[in-house]
Amino acid sequence: MTEAEAEAYRTGTDKDTGLERYATLDALGQTRLDLARMKEAGTVVRGEIGHDPEVTSLDLEAKTPTANRVDERVVSLAGVAFSPVSR
């Protein structure tokens, strides 16, 4: 999904990116909302879009193994940098 999402942000539309094939309905809706807001604001993505995930904790001994991560996602929108996103 990352490549399709990056292409959507680079072009300003999810058309012909294949994003609907890879994204959940919620993720697709959020991306489309982001793209609409970018269009309204007249912003564009310049440079590379990427992720730099880091696992901050891992518990493989738990009944249900768990992991936490932080994803430093940096996107430059017409000179305004947005980062990081933590999930």
N, C-alpha and C. Protein backbone atom coordinates (compact mmCIF):
# COMPACT_ATOMS: atom_id res chain seq x y z
N MET A 1 0.82 -1.19 0.00
CA MET A 1 0.00 0.00 0.00
C MET A 1 0.86 1.25 0.00
N THR A 2 2.03 1.21 0.62
CA THR A 2 2.86 2.40 0.76
C THR A 2 3.18 3.04 -0.59
N GLU A 3 3.55 2.24 -1.58
CA GLU A 3 3.87 2.79 -2.89
C GLU A 3 2.66 3.43 -3.55
N ALA A 4 1.51 2.78 -3.46
CA ALA A 4 0.29 3.33 -4.04
C ALA A 4 -0.12 4.61 -3.32
N GLU A 5 0.03 4.63 -2.00
CA GLU A 5 -0.30 5.83 -1.22
C GLU A 5 0.65 6.97 -1.59
N ALA A 6 1.93 6.69 -1.70
CA ALA A 6 2.90 7.72 -2.07
C ALA A 6 2.58 8.29 -3.45
N GLU A 7 2.22 7.42 -4.38
CA GLU A 7 1.86 7.88 -5.72
C GLU A 7 0.63 8.79 -5.69
N ALA A 8 -0.35 8.44 -4.86
CA ALA A 8 -1.55 9.27 -4.73
C ALA A 8 -1.19 10.67 -4.21
N TYR A 9 -0.32 10.74 -3.21
CA TYR A 9 0.08 12.04 -2.67
C TYR A 9 0.93 12.82 -3.67
N ARG A 10 1.76 12.14 -4.45
CA ARG A 10 2.58 12.83 -5.45
C ARG A 10 1.73 13.42 -6.57
N THR A 11 0.68 12.69 -6.97
CA THR A 11 -0.14 13.13 -8.10
C THR A 11 -1.35 13.93 -7.68
N GLY A 12 -1.71 13.85 -6.39
CA GLY A 12 -2.88 14.58 -5.91
C GLY A 12 -4.19 13.85 -6.12
N THR A 13 -4.12 12.61 -6.58
CA THR A 13 -5.33 11.81 -6.78
C THR A 13 -4.99 10.34 -6.59
N ASP A 14 -6.00 9.56 -6.18
CA ASP A 14 -5.76 8.12 -6.04
C ASP A 14 -6.11 7.38 -7.33
N LYS A 15 -6.55 8.11 -8.35
CA LYS A 15 -6.91 7.50 -9.63
C LYS A 15 -5.68 6.82 -10.25
N ASP A 16 -5.87 5.60 -10.69
CA ASP A 16 -4.84 4.81 -11.37
C ASP A 16 -3.63 4.50 -10.50
N THR A 17 -3.78 4.54 -9.17
CA THR A 17 -2.67 4.20 -8.28
C THR A 17 -2.78 2.77 -7.76
N GLY A 18 -3.98 2.18 -7.82
CA GLY A 18 -4.21 0.85 -7.28
C GLY A 18 -4.44 0.88 -5.77
N LEU A 19 -4.55 2.08 -5.20
CA LEU A 19 -4.71 2.21 -3.75
C LEU A 19 -5.94 1.47 -3.25
N GLU A 20 -7.03 1.53 -3.99
CA GLU A 20 -8.26 0.86 -3.54
C GLU A 20 -8.08 -0.66 -3.45
N ARG A 21 -7.09 -1.18 -4.15
CA ARG A 21 -6.82 -2.62 -4.12
C ARG A 21 -6.12 -3.03 -2.82
N TYR A 22 -5.31 -2.13 -2.26
CA TYR A 22 -4.49 -2.46 -1.11
C TYR A 22 -4.97 -1.88 0.22
N ALA A 23 -5.69 -0.78 0.18
CA ALA A 23 -6.07 -0.07 1.40
C ALA A 23 -7.39 -0.59 1.97
N THR A 24 -7.50 -0.53 3.29
CA THR A 24 -8.79 -0.81 3.91
C THR A 24 -9.72 0.34 3.56
N LEU A 25 -11.00 0.15 3.78
CA LEU A 25 -11.96 1.20 3.48
C LEU A 25 -11.66 2.46 4.29
N ASP A 26 -11.31 2.28 5.58
CA ASP A 26 -10.97 3.44 6.42
C ASP A 26 -9.73 4.16 5.92
N ALA A 27 -8.69 3.41 5.57
CA ALA A 27 -7.45 4.02 5.09
C ALA A 27 -7.68 4.73 3.76
N LEU A 28 -8.46 4.13 2.88
CA LEU A 28 -8.76 4.75 1.59
C LEU A 28 -9.53 6.05 1.79
N GLY A 29 -10.51 6.01 2.68
CA GLY A 29 -11.29 7.21 2.98
C GLY A 29 -10.42 8.33 3.55
N GLN A 30 -9.51 7.98 4.45
CA GLN A 30 -8.62 8.98 5.06
C GLN A 30 -7.69 9.58 4.02
N THR A 31 -7.16 8.75 3.14
CA THR A 31 -6.28 9.25 2.09
C THR A 31 -7.04 10.17 1.15
N ARG A 32 -8.23 9.79 0.78
CA ARG A 32 -9.03 10.64 -0.11
C ARG A 32 -9.37 11.96 0.57
N LEU A 33 -9.66 11.93 1.86
CA LEU A 33 -9.91 13.15 2.60
C LEU A 33 -8.67 14.03 2.64
N ASP A 34 -7.51 13.42 2.89
CA ASP A 34 -6.25 14.17 2.88
C ASP A 34 -6.02 14.82 1.52
N LEU A 35 -6.25 14.08 0.45
CA LEU A 35 -6.04 14.61 -0.89
C LEU A 35 -6.98 15.77 -1.18
N ALA A 36 -8.24 15.66 -0.74
CA ALA A 36 -9.20 16.76 -0.94
C ALA A 36 -8.77 18.00 -0.17
N ARG A 37 -8.30 17.81 1.07
CA ARG A 37 -7.85 18.95 1.87
C ARG A 37 -6.60 19.60 1.26
N MET A 38 -5.71 18.77 0.73
CA MET A 38 -4.52 19.30 0.07
C MET A 38 -4.92 20.13 -1.15
N LYS A 39 -5.88 19.63 -1.91
CA LYS A 39 -6.33 20.35 -3.11
C LYS A 39 -6.94 21.69 -2.71
N GLU A 40 -7.79 21.69 -1.67
CA GLU A 40 -8.40 22.93 -1.18
C GLU A 40 -7.35 23.94 -0.74
N ALA A 41 -6.30 23.44 -0.08
CA ALA A 41 -5.26 24.32 0.46
C ALA A 41 -4.21 24.69 -0.59
N GLY A 42 -4.26 24.02 -1.74
CA GLY A 42 -3.28 24.29 -2.78
C GLY A 42 -1.89 23.77 -2.47
N THR A 43 -1.82 22.71 -1.66
CA THR A 43 -0.52 22.12 -1.30
C THR A 43 -0.19 20.96 -2.21
N VAL A 44 1.08 20.71 -2.38
CA VAL A 44 1.56 19.59 -3.17
C VAL A 44 2.68 18.90 -2.41
N VAL A 45 2.90 17.64 -2.72
CA VAL A 45 3.99 16.89 -2.12
C VAL A 45 5.20 17.04 -3.01
N ARG A 46 6.32 17.38 -2.39
CA ARG A 46 7.59 17.46 -3.12
C ARG A 46 8.59 16.56 -2.42
N GLY A 47 9.45 15.95 -3.17
CA GLY A 47 10.44 15.06 -2.58
C GLY A 47 9.86 13.68 -2.35
N GLU A 48 10.58 12.92 -1.58
CA GLU A 48 10.19 11.54 -1.32
C GLU A 48 9.27 11.44 -0.12
N ILE A 49 8.39 10.49 -0.18
CA ILE A 49 7.51 10.16 0.93
C ILE A 49 8.01 8.82 1.45
N GLY A 50 8.17 8.72 2.74
CA GLY A 50 8.67 7.47 3.26
C GLY A 50 8.30 7.22 4.70
N HIS A 51 8.64 6.05 5.14
CA HIS A 51 8.41 5.63 6.51
C HIS A 51 9.73 5.16 7.09
N ASP A 52 9.87 5.33 8.37
CA ASP A 52 11.07 4.87 9.07
C ASP A 52 10.61 4.24 10.38
N PRO A 53 9.98 3.05 10.30
CA PRO A 53 9.43 2.45 11.51
C PRO A 53 10.51 1.93 12.46
N GLU A 54 10.21 2.02 13.75
CA GLU A 54 11.11 1.51 14.78
C GLU A 54 10.28 0.78 15.82
N VAL A 55 10.61 -0.46 16.10
CA VAL A 55 9.93 -1.22 17.14
C VAL A 55 10.44 -0.71 18.48
N THR A 56 9.51 -0.24 19.33
CA THR A 56 9.89 0.31 20.62
C THR A 56 9.77 -0.68 21.76
N SER A 57 8.95 -1.73 21.57
CA SER A 57 8.87 -2.79 22.56
C SER A 57 8.33 -4.05 21.89
N LEU A 58 8.74 -5.19 22.45
CA LEU A 58 8.34 -6.47 21.89
C LEU A 58 8.21 -7.46 23.04
N ASP A 59 7.05 -8.12 23.12
CA ASP A 59 6.83 -9.12 24.16
C ASP A 59 6.36 -10.41 23.50
N LEU A 60 7.30 -11.30 23.26
CA LEU A 60 6.98 -12.57 22.63
C LEU A 60 6.56 -13.64 23.65
N GLU A 61 6.72 -13.34 24.94
CA GLU A 61 6.37 -14.29 25.99
C GLU A 61 4.91 -14.17 26.43
N ALA A 62 4.24 -13.10 26.07
CA ALA A 62 2.84 -12.90 26.46
C ALA A 62 1.95 -13.95 25.79
N LYS A 63 0.78 -14.18 26.37
CA LYS A 63 -0.16 -15.14 25.79
C LYS A 63 -0.45 -14.76 24.34
N THR A 64 -0.68 -13.49 24.12
CA THR A 64 -0.79 -12.94 22.77
C THR A 64 0.40 -12.01 22.58
N PRO A 65 1.40 -12.43 21.81
CA PRO A 65 2.59 -11.58 21.62
C PRO A 65 2.21 -10.18 21.14
N THR A 66 2.92 -9.18 21.64
CA THR A 66 2.64 -7.80 21.27
C THR A 66 3.90 -7.07 20.86
N ALA A 67 3.69 -6.05 20.06
CA ALA A 67 4.79 -5.17 19.65
C ALA A 67 4.25 -3.76 19.53
N ASN A 68 5.06 -2.80 19.87
CA ASN A 68 4.72 -1.39 19.68
C ASN A 68 5.76 -0.79 18.75
N ARG A 69 5.32 0.15 17.93
CA ARG A 69 6.24 0.79 17.02
C ARG A 69 5.95 2.28 16.91
N VAL A 70 6.95 2.99 16.49
CA VAL A 70 6.81 4.40 16.16
C VAL A 70 7.22 4.52 14.70
N ASP A 71 6.45 5.25 13.93
CA ASP A 71 6.75 5.42 12.51
C ASP A 71 7.00 6.89 12.25
N GLU A 72 8.24 7.23 12.05
CA GLU A 72 8.62 8.61 11.74
C GLU A 72 8.36 8.82 10.26
N ARG A 73 7.22 9.41 9.96
CA ARG A 73 6.84 9.62 8.57
C ARG A 73 6.99 11.10 8.27
N VAL A 74 7.81 11.41 7.32
CA VAL A 74 8.06 12.80 6.99
C VAL A 74 7.53 13.07 5.59
N VAL A 75 6.66 14.06 5.50
CA VAL A 75 6.09 14.47 4.22
C VAL A 75 6.26 15.97 4.11
N SER A 76 6.81 16.41 3.02
CA SER A 76 6.97 17.84 2.81
C SER A 76 5.86 18.33 1.90
N LEU A 77 5.01 19.21 2.41
CA LEU A 77 3.90 19.76 1.63
C LEU A 77 4.19 21.22 1.35
N ALA A 78 4.62 21.50 0.15
CA ALA A 78 4.91 22.87 -0.28
C ALA A 78 5.72 23.62 0.76
N GLY A 79 6.77 22.99 1.22
CA GLY A 79 7.67 23.66 2.15
C GLY A 79 7.33 23.51 3.61
N VAL A 80 6.21 22.89 3.94
CA VAL A 80 5.83 22.68 5.33
C VAL A 80 6.03 21.21 5.66
N ALA A 81 6.90 20.92 6.60
CA ALA A 81 7.18 19.52 6.94
C ALA A 81 6.26 19.05 8.05
N PHE A 82 5.68 17.89 7.87
CA PHE A 82 4.82 17.28 8.88
C PHE A 82 5.50 16.02 9.37
N SER A 83 5.78 15.94 10.67
CA SER A 83 6.37 14.73 11.24
C SER A 83 6.33 14.85 12.75
N PRO A 84 6.49 13.83 13.49
CA PRO A 84 6.31 12.42 13.13
C PRO A 84 4.88 11.99 13.36
N VAL A 85 4.56 10.81 12.89
CA VAL A 85 3.27 10.19 13.14
C VAL A 85 3.54 8.99 14.02
N SER A 86 2.89 8.92 15.15
CA SER A 86 3.09 7.80 16.06
C SER A 86 1.81 7.01 16.15
N ARG A 87 1.89 5.71 15.92
CA ARG A 87 0.70 4.85 15.97
C ARG A 87 0.97 3.64 16.80
